[in-house]
C-alpha cells in the first residue's frame, strides 16, 4: 500500500450562494470542467477538473477546515494572461507577475490572486531562458 499522488484538494464554501460563486469562478474564469455534482442547498458538492488533479467544492463549510493550506498553485504557460483574467473577474491581485529564480537554477514566473471566497491562488510557470521577462 502506498500513496499514488494527490486525488483532490477540497474547498469548503459557506452555504449554497457561496458554493455557486465558487463553481462559477472555477468554471467560467479558469475554464475548469465540471466532473460531477451532487446534493442541493447547503448539502451539495462538486468536483472540477484542474488538469492533473481535482478540486472538490462543498457547500457545508459553516465551520472552516481545521487545517489550512497556504495556497492552491496552478501550473500555467501564461501567468500574465491568467492574472488579467482574474482581474477582469474582479479578483484582487495579491502579488503581480514576477520572475524568480529558485535555488539559483530554477527560473519561474509567478503571481498570486484571491479567489471568490478569499482563497489564495498562485499561478506558476516554469521558464526557459527565452521566456524570462526580466
N, C-alpha and C. Protein backbone atom coordinates (compact mmCIF):
# COMPACT_ATOMS: atom_id res chain seq x y z
N UNK A 1 0.85 -1.17 0.00
CA UNK A 1 0.00 0.00 0.00
C UNK A 1 0.90 1.24 0.00
N UNK A 2 0.59 2.20 -0.88
CA UNK A 2 1.40 3.42 -0.94
C UNK A 2 0.56 4.57 -1.48
N UNK A 3 1.05 5.75 -1.28
CA UNK A 3 0.43 6.95 -1.84
C UNK A 3 0.68 6.94 -3.34
N UNK A 4 -0.32 7.21 -4.13
CA UNK A 4 -0.19 7.22 -5.57
C UNK A 4 -0.20 8.64 -6.16
N UNK A 5 -0.43 9.63 -5.32
CA UNK A 5 -0.47 11.02 -5.77
C UNK A 5 -1.65 11.74 -5.14
N UNK A 6 -1.81 12.99 -5.45
CA UNK A 6 -2.92 13.78 -4.92
C UNK A 6 -4.17 13.46 -5.73
N UNK A 7 -5.25 13.13 -5.05
CA UNK A 7 -6.51 12.88 -5.75
C UNK A 7 -7.29 14.18 -5.92
N UNK A 8 -7.45 14.94 -4.83
CA UNK A 8 -8.16 16.21 -4.93
C UNK A 8 -7.76 17.15 -3.80
N UNK A 9 -8.06 18.40 -4.01
CA UNK A 9 -7.94 19.44 -3.00
C UNK A 9 -9.37 19.87 -2.69
N UNK A 10 -9.70 20.07 -1.41
CA UNK A 10 -11.07 20.39 -1.03
C UNK A 10 -11.18 21.85 -0.61
N UNK A 11 -12.23 22.48 -1.06
CA UNK A 11 -12.53 23.86 -0.71
C UNK A 11 -13.95 23.89 -0.17
N UNK A 12 -14.13 24.39 1.06
CA UNK A 12 -15.45 24.42 1.69
C UNK A 12 -16.05 25.81 1.59
N UNK A 13 -17.12 25.91 0.82
CA UNK A 13 -17.86 27.16 0.73
C UNK A 13 -18.87 27.22 1.87
N UNK A 14 -19.24 28.42 2.28
CA UNK A 14 -20.20 28.60 3.37
C UNK A 14 -21.58 28.82 2.78
N UNK A 15 -22.30 27.73 2.51
CA UNK A 15 -23.66 27.81 2.02
C UNK A 15 -23.77 27.75 0.51
N UNK A 16 -25.02 27.65 0.05
CA UNK A 16 -25.31 27.44 -1.37
C UNK A 16 -24.90 28.62 -2.25
N UNK A 17 -25.09 29.85 -1.78
CA UNK A 17 -24.75 31.02 -2.59
C UNK A 17 -23.24 31.11 -2.83
N UNK A 18 -22.47 30.96 -1.76
CA UNK A 18 -21.02 30.99 -1.89
C UNK A 18 -20.53 29.82 -2.75
N UNK A 19 -21.15 28.64 -2.58
CA UNK A 19 -20.83 27.46 -3.38
C UNK A 19 -20.99 27.79 -4.87
N UNK A 20 -22.10 28.42 -5.24
CA UNK A 20 -22.33 28.74 -6.64
C UNK A 20 -21.31 29.75 -7.16
N UNK A 21 -20.94 30.73 -6.33
CA UNK A 21 -19.91 31.70 -6.74
C UNK A 21 -18.59 30.99 -7.03
N UNK A 22 -18.24 30.01 -6.19
CA UNK A 22 -17.00 29.26 -6.38
C UNK A 22 -17.07 28.46 -7.69
N UNK A 23 -18.19 27.74 -7.91
CA UNK A 23 -18.33 26.98 -9.15
C UNK A 23 -18.25 27.89 -10.37
N UNK A 24 -18.97 29.00 -10.35
CA UNK A 24 -18.95 29.93 -11.48
C UNK A 24 -17.53 30.41 -11.76
N UNK A 25 -16.79 30.76 -10.70
CA UNK A 25 -15.43 31.26 -10.86
C UNK A 25 -14.53 30.21 -11.51
N UNK A 26 -14.50 29.02 -10.93
CA UNK A 26 -13.58 27.99 -11.45
C UNK A 26 -13.99 27.51 -12.84
N UNK A 27 -15.29 27.46 -13.12
CA UNK A 27 -15.72 27.03 -14.45
C UNK A 27 -15.59 28.13 -15.49
N UNK A 28 -16.03 29.34 -15.17
CA UNK A 28 -16.09 30.41 -16.16
C UNK A 28 -14.81 31.20 -16.29
N UNK A 29 -14.14 31.48 -15.19
CA UNK A 29 -12.92 32.28 -15.25
C UNK A 29 -11.70 31.41 -15.55
N UNK A 30 -11.60 30.24 -14.90
CA UNK A 30 -10.43 29.39 -15.06
C UNK A 30 -10.65 28.22 -16.01
N UNK A 31 -11.85 28.09 -16.60
CA UNK A 31 -12.16 27.03 -17.57
C UNK A 31 -11.95 25.62 -17.04
N UNK A 32 -12.28 25.38 -15.78
CA UNK A 32 -12.17 24.04 -15.19
C UNK A 32 -13.47 23.28 -15.43
N UNK A 33 -13.43 22.18 -16.17
CA UNK A 33 -14.65 21.42 -16.45
C UNK A 33 -15.24 20.77 -15.20
N UNK A 34 -16.56 20.74 -15.14
CA UNK A 34 -17.27 20.05 -14.06
C UNK A 34 -17.21 18.55 -14.33
N UNK A 35 -16.77 17.79 -13.32
CA UNK A 35 -16.72 16.33 -13.44
C UNK A 35 -18.02 15.73 -12.92
N UNK A 36 -18.45 16.17 -11.73
CA UNK A 36 -19.70 15.66 -11.15
C UNK A 36 -20.24 16.66 -10.14
N UNK A 37 -21.53 16.55 -9.89
CA UNK A 37 -22.22 17.41 -8.92
C UNK A 37 -23.20 16.55 -8.15
N UNK A 38 -23.37 16.80 -6.86
CA UNK A 38 -24.32 16.03 -6.07
C UNK A 38 -24.97 16.93 -5.02
N UNK A 39 -26.13 16.50 -4.54
CA UNK A 39 -26.85 17.19 -3.47
C UNK A 39 -27.46 18.51 -3.91
N UNK A 40 -27.94 19.27 -2.89
CA UNK A 40 -28.55 20.57 -3.14
C UNK A 40 -28.44 21.44 -1.90
N UNK A 41 -28.69 22.73 -2.08
CA UNK A 41 -28.66 23.68 -0.97
C UNK A 41 -27.34 23.67 -0.23
N UNK A 42 -27.44 23.61 1.10
CA UNK A 42 -26.24 23.63 1.94
C UNK A 42 -25.62 22.25 2.11
N UNK A 43 -26.09 21.28 1.33
CA UNK A 43 -25.54 19.92 1.38
C UNK A 43 -25.21 19.44 -0.03
N UNK A 44 -24.48 20.26 -0.77
CA UNK A 44 -24.11 19.86 -2.12
C UNK A 44 -22.60 19.87 -2.29
N UNK A 45 -22.17 19.22 -3.33
CA UNK A 45 -20.76 19.17 -3.63
C UNK A 45 -20.54 19.05 -5.12
N UNK A 46 -19.32 19.30 -5.53
CA UNK A 46 -18.96 19.18 -6.94
C UNK A 46 -17.47 18.89 -7.04
N UNK A 47 -17.09 18.28 -8.14
CA UNK A 47 -15.69 18.06 -8.44
C UNK A 47 -15.40 18.68 -9.79
N UNK A 48 -14.30 19.42 -9.85
CA UNK A 48 -13.88 20.11 -11.07
C UNK A 48 -12.51 19.60 -11.48
N UNK A 49 -12.29 19.50 -12.77
CA UNK A 49 -11.02 19.03 -13.32
C UNK A 49 -10.02 20.18 -13.37
N UNK A 50 -8.92 20.05 -12.62
CA UNK A 50 -7.86 21.07 -12.64
C UNK A 50 -6.72 20.67 -13.57
N UNK A 51 -6.89 19.65 -14.34
CA UNK A 51 -5.84 19.21 -15.24
C UNK A 51 -5.14 17.97 -14.72
N UNK A 52 -4.36 18.13 -13.66
CA UNK A 52 -3.64 16.98 -13.11
C UNK A 52 -4.14 16.58 -11.73
N UNK A 53 -5.20 17.20 -11.27
CA UNK A 53 -5.85 16.83 -10.01
C UNK A 53 -7.28 17.34 -10.05
N UNK A 54 -8.00 17.12 -8.97
CA UNK A 54 -9.41 17.50 -8.89
C UNK A 54 -9.59 18.51 -7.76
N UNK A 55 -10.48 19.47 -7.96
CA UNK A 55 -10.90 20.38 -6.90
C UNK A 55 -12.29 19.95 -6.47
N UNK A 56 -12.43 19.58 -5.20
CA UNK A 56 -13.73 19.26 -4.64
C UNK A 56 -14.23 20.51 -3.91
N UNK A 57 -15.46 20.90 -4.20
CA UNK A 57 -16.08 22.05 -3.55
C UNK A 57 -17.34 21.55 -2.86
N UNK A 58 -17.50 21.89 -1.58
CA UNK A 58 -18.72 21.53 -0.86
C UNK A 58 -19.35 22.80 -0.30
N UNK A 59 -20.65 22.73 -0.03
CA UNK A 59 -21.37 23.91 0.46
C UNK A 59 -21.61 23.86 1.96
N UNK A 60 -20.99 22.91 2.64
CA UNK A 60 -21.24 22.74 4.07
C UNK A 60 -20.11 23.28 4.94
N UNK A 61 -19.50 24.36 4.50
CA UNK A 61 -18.34 24.90 5.20
C UNK A 61 -18.67 25.93 6.26
N UNK A 62 -19.74 25.74 7.01
CA UNK A 62 -20.08 26.71 8.06
C UNK A 62 -18.94 26.81 9.08
N UNK A 63 -18.24 25.70 9.26
CA UNK A 63 -17.01 25.74 10.05
C UNK A 63 -15.88 25.52 9.08
N UNK A 64 -14.92 26.43 9.08
CA UNK A 64 -13.79 26.28 8.18
C UNK A 64 -12.96 25.08 8.60
N UNK A 65 -12.17 24.58 7.70
CA UNK A 65 -11.34 23.40 7.95
C UNK A 65 -10.45 23.61 9.17
N UNK A 66 -10.11 22.53 9.83
CA UNK A 66 -9.21 22.61 10.97
C UNK A 66 -7.79 22.89 10.53
N UNK A 67 -7.38 22.35 9.41
CA UNK A 67 -6.06 22.62 8.85
C UNK A 67 -6.16 23.75 7.84
N UNK A 68 -5.03 24.19 7.32
CA UNK A 68 -5.05 25.30 6.38
C UNK A 68 -3.93 25.12 5.36
N UNK A 69 -4.29 25.12 4.09
CA UNK A 69 -3.30 25.16 3.04
C UNK A 69 -2.93 26.62 2.82
N UNK A 70 -1.67 26.89 2.57
CA UNK A 70 -1.23 28.27 2.34
C UNK A 70 -1.84 28.83 1.06
N UNK A 71 -1.88 28.03 0.00
CA UNK A 71 -2.46 28.47 -1.26
C UNK A 71 -2.65 27.27 -2.18
N UNK A 72 -3.36 27.50 -3.26
CA UNK A 72 -3.56 26.50 -4.30
C UNK A 72 -2.79 27.01 -5.51
N UNK A 73 -1.81 26.24 -5.98
CA UNK A 73 -0.96 26.67 -7.10
C UNK A 73 -1.38 25.97 -8.38
N UNK A 74 -1.59 26.76 -9.43
CA UNK A 74 -1.94 26.24 -10.74
C UNK A 74 -0.76 26.37 -11.68
N UNK A 75 -0.40 25.30 -12.37
CA UNK A 75 0.61 25.37 -13.41
C UNK A 75 -0.03 26.04 -14.63
N UNK A 76 0.71 26.93 -15.28
CA UNK A 76 0.20 27.62 -16.47
C UNK A 76 1.36 27.96 -17.38
N UNK A 77 1.06 28.23 -18.63
CA UNK A 77 2.11 28.70 -19.55
C UNK A 77 1.95 30.19 -19.82
N UNK A 78 1.06 30.88 -19.08
CA UNK A 78 0.85 32.31 -19.27
C UNK A 78 0.37 32.96 -17.96
N UNK A 79 1.29 33.23 -17.06
CA UNK A 79 0.96 33.85 -15.77
C UNK A 79 0.26 35.18 -15.98
N UNK A 80 0.80 36.00 -16.86
CA UNK A 80 0.24 37.34 -17.08
C UNK A 80 -1.20 37.26 -17.60
N UNK A 81 -1.45 36.35 -18.52
CA UNK A 81 -2.80 36.19 -19.06
C UNK A 81 -3.79 35.74 -18.00
N UNK A 82 -3.35 34.83 -17.12
CA UNK A 82 -4.23 34.36 -16.04
C UNK A 82 -4.55 35.51 -15.08
N UNK A 83 -3.55 36.31 -14.76
CA UNK A 83 -3.78 37.45 -13.85
C UNK A 83 -4.78 38.42 -14.47
N UNK A 84 -4.66 38.68 -15.76
CA UNK A 84 -5.61 39.58 -16.42
C UNK A 84 -7.03 39.01 -16.40
N UNK A 85 -7.15 37.70 -16.56
CA UNK A 85 -8.47 37.05 -16.48
C UNK A 85 -9.09 37.24 -15.11
N UNK A 86 -8.29 37.03 -14.07
CA UNK A 86 -8.81 37.18 -12.71
C UNK A 86 -9.13 38.63 -12.39
N UNK A 87 -8.26 39.53 -12.83
CA UNK A 87 -8.51 40.97 -12.62
C UNK A 87 -9.83 41.37 -13.28
N UNK A 88 -10.08 40.89 -14.50
CA UNK A 88 -11.32 41.20 -15.22
C UNK A 88 -12.53 40.61 -14.50
N UNK A 89 -12.33 39.53 -13.76
CA UNK A 89 -13.42 38.91 -13.00
C UNK A 89 -13.60 39.57 -11.63
N UNK A 90 -12.81 40.61 -11.34
CA UNK A 90 -12.95 41.34 -10.08
C UNK A 90 -12.17 40.76 -8.92
N UNK A 91 -11.26 39.84 -9.20
CA UNK A 91 -10.46 39.23 -8.12
C UNK A 91 -9.24 40.08 -7.81
N UNK A 92 -8.94 40.29 -6.53
CA UNK A 92 -7.77 41.07 -6.18
C UNK A 92 -6.47 40.36 -6.56
N UNK A 93 -5.52 41.13 -7.10
CA UNK A 93 -4.19 40.62 -7.37
C UNK A 93 -3.35 40.89 -6.13
N UNK A 94 -2.85 39.84 -5.52
CA UNK A 94 -2.09 39.95 -4.28
C UNK A 94 -0.60 40.17 -4.54
N UNK A 95 -0.08 39.50 -5.56
CA UNK A 95 1.31 39.67 -5.99
C UNK A 95 1.31 39.72 -7.50
N UNK A 96 1.77 40.84 -8.06
CA UNK A 96 1.83 40.99 -9.51
C UNK A 96 2.78 39.96 -10.11
N UNK A 97 2.62 39.62 -11.40
CA UNK A 97 3.52 38.67 -12.04
C UNK A 97 4.98 39.10 -11.88
N UNK A 98 5.81 38.14 -11.51
CA UNK A 98 7.22 38.42 -11.28
C UNK A 98 8.05 37.17 -11.60
N UNK A 99 9.24 37.40 -12.15
CA UNK A 99 10.17 36.30 -12.40
C UNK A 99 11.00 36.08 -11.15
N UNK A 100 11.24 34.83 -10.84
CA UNK A 100 12.07 34.44 -9.70
C UNK A 100 13.02 33.36 -10.20
N UNK A 101 14.03 33.09 -9.40
CA UNK A 101 14.96 32.01 -9.71
C UNK A 101 15.19 31.24 -8.43
N UNK A 102 14.43 30.17 -8.26
CA UNK A 102 14.51 29.38 -7.03
C UNK A 102 15.80 28.57 -7.02
N UNK A 103 16.56 28.70 -5.95
CA UNK A 103 17.79 27.94 -5.82
C UNK A 103 18.85 28.30 -6.83
N UNK A 104 18.67 29.41 -7.53
CA UNK A 104 19.68 29.85 -8.48
C UNK A 104 19.64 29.14 -9.83
N UNK A 105 18.83 28.08 -9.96
CA UNK A 105 18.83 27.36 -11.23
C UNK A 105 17.44 26.87 -11.64
N UNK A 106 16.40 27.47 -11.10
CA UNK A 106 15.03 27.06 -11.41
C UNK A 106 14.22 28.32 -11.71
N UNK A 107 14.30 28.83 -12.96
CA UNK A 107 13.60 30.08 -13.30
C UNK A 107 12.10 29.86 -13.43
N UNK A 108 11.35 30.72 -12.75
CA UNK A 108 9.89 30.63 -12.75
C UNK A 108 9.29 32.03 -12.88
N UNK A 109 8.03 32.09 -13.25
CA UNK A 109 7.23 33.32 -13.21
C UNK A 109 6.00 32.98 -12.40
N UNK A 110 5.68 33.83 -11.41
CA UNK A 110 4.56 33.56 -10.52
C UNK A 110 3.74 34.82 -10.31
N UNK A 111 2.53 34.63 -9.83
CA UNK A 111 1.65 35.71 -9.37
C UNK A 111 0.65 35.09 -8.42
N UNK A 112 0.10 35.91 -7.53
CA UNK A 112 -0.91 35.46 -6.58
C UNK A 112 -2.14 36.35 -6.69
N UNK A 113 -3.31 35.71 -6.66
CA UNK A 113 -4.59 36.41 -6.68
C UNK A 113 -5.48 35.78 -5.61
N UNK A 114 -6.54 36.49 -5.26
CA UNK A 114 -7.53 35.93 -4.33
C UNK A 114 -8.68 35.37 -5.15
N UNK A 115 -9.18 34.20 -4.74
CA UNK A 115 -10.34 33.60 -5.38
C UNK A 115 -11.64 34.18 -4.85
N UNK A 116 -12.78 33.63 -5.25
CA UNK A 116 -14.07 34.22 -4.92
C UNK A 116 -14.44 34.21 -3.44
N UNK A 117 -13.84 33.34 -2.64
CA UNK A 117 -14.14 33.36 -1.20
C UNK A 117 -12.87 33.59 -0.38
N UNK A 118 -11.89 34.26 -1.02
CA UNK A 118 -10.69 34.66 -0.31
C UNK A 118 -9.56 33.66 -0.36
N UNK A 119 -9.76 32.50 -1.02
CA UNK A 119 -8.66 31.54 -1.10
C UNK A 119 -7.53 32.14 -1.94
N UNK A 120 -6.31 31.85 -1.55
CA UNK A 120 -5.15 32.39 -2.25
C UNK A 120 -4.77 31.44 -3.39
N UNK A 121 -4.69 32.00 -4.60
CA UNK A 121 -4.37 31.24 -5.80
C UNK A 121 -3.03 31.70 -6.36
N UNK A 122 -2.14 30.76 -6.61
CA UNK A 122 -0.86 31.07 -7.24
C UNK A 122 -0.88 30.56 -8.67
N UNK A 123 -0.35 31.35 -9.58
CA UNK A 123 -0.16 30.92 -10.96
C UNK A 123 1.33 30.79 -11.17
N UNK A 124 1.76 29.58 -11.60
CA UNK A 124 3.16 29.17 -11.56
C UNK A 124 3.57 28.70 -12.95
N UNK A 125 4.63 29.32 -13.47
CA UNK A 125 5.11 28.99 -14.80
C UNK A 125 6.61 28.71 -14.73
N UNK A 126 7.01 27.52 -15.17
CA UNK A 126 8.43 27.22 -15.30
C UNK A 126 8.93 27.90 -16.56
N UNK A 127 10.09 28.57 -16.46
CA UNK A 127 10.60 29.35 -17.58
C UNK A 127 11.86 28.75 -18.17
N UNK A 128 11.97 28.86 -19.48
CA UNK A 128 13.25 28.63 -20.14
C UNK A 128 13.90 30.00 -20.21
N UNK A 129 15.15 30.07 -20.53
CA UNK A 129 15.85 31.36 -20.60
C UNK A 129 15.17 32.30 -21.61
N UNK A 130 14.63 31.75 -22.71
CA UNK A 130 13.98 32.59 -23.73
C UNK A 130 12.69 33.23 -23.22
N UNK A 131 12.02 32.60 -22.24
CA UNK A 131 10.74 33.10 -21.76
C UNK A 131 10.87 34.10 -20.62
N UNK A 132 12.05 34.31 -20.10
CA UNK A 132 12.22 35.21 -18.96
C UNK A 132 11.82 36.62 -19.32
N UNK A 133 11.09 37.29 -18.44
CA UNK A 133 10.59 38.64 -18.70
C UNK A 133 11.55 39.72 -18.18
N UNK A 134 12.57 39.32 -17.42
CA UNK A 134 13.48 40.31 -16.83
C UNK A 134 14.29 41.02 -17.89
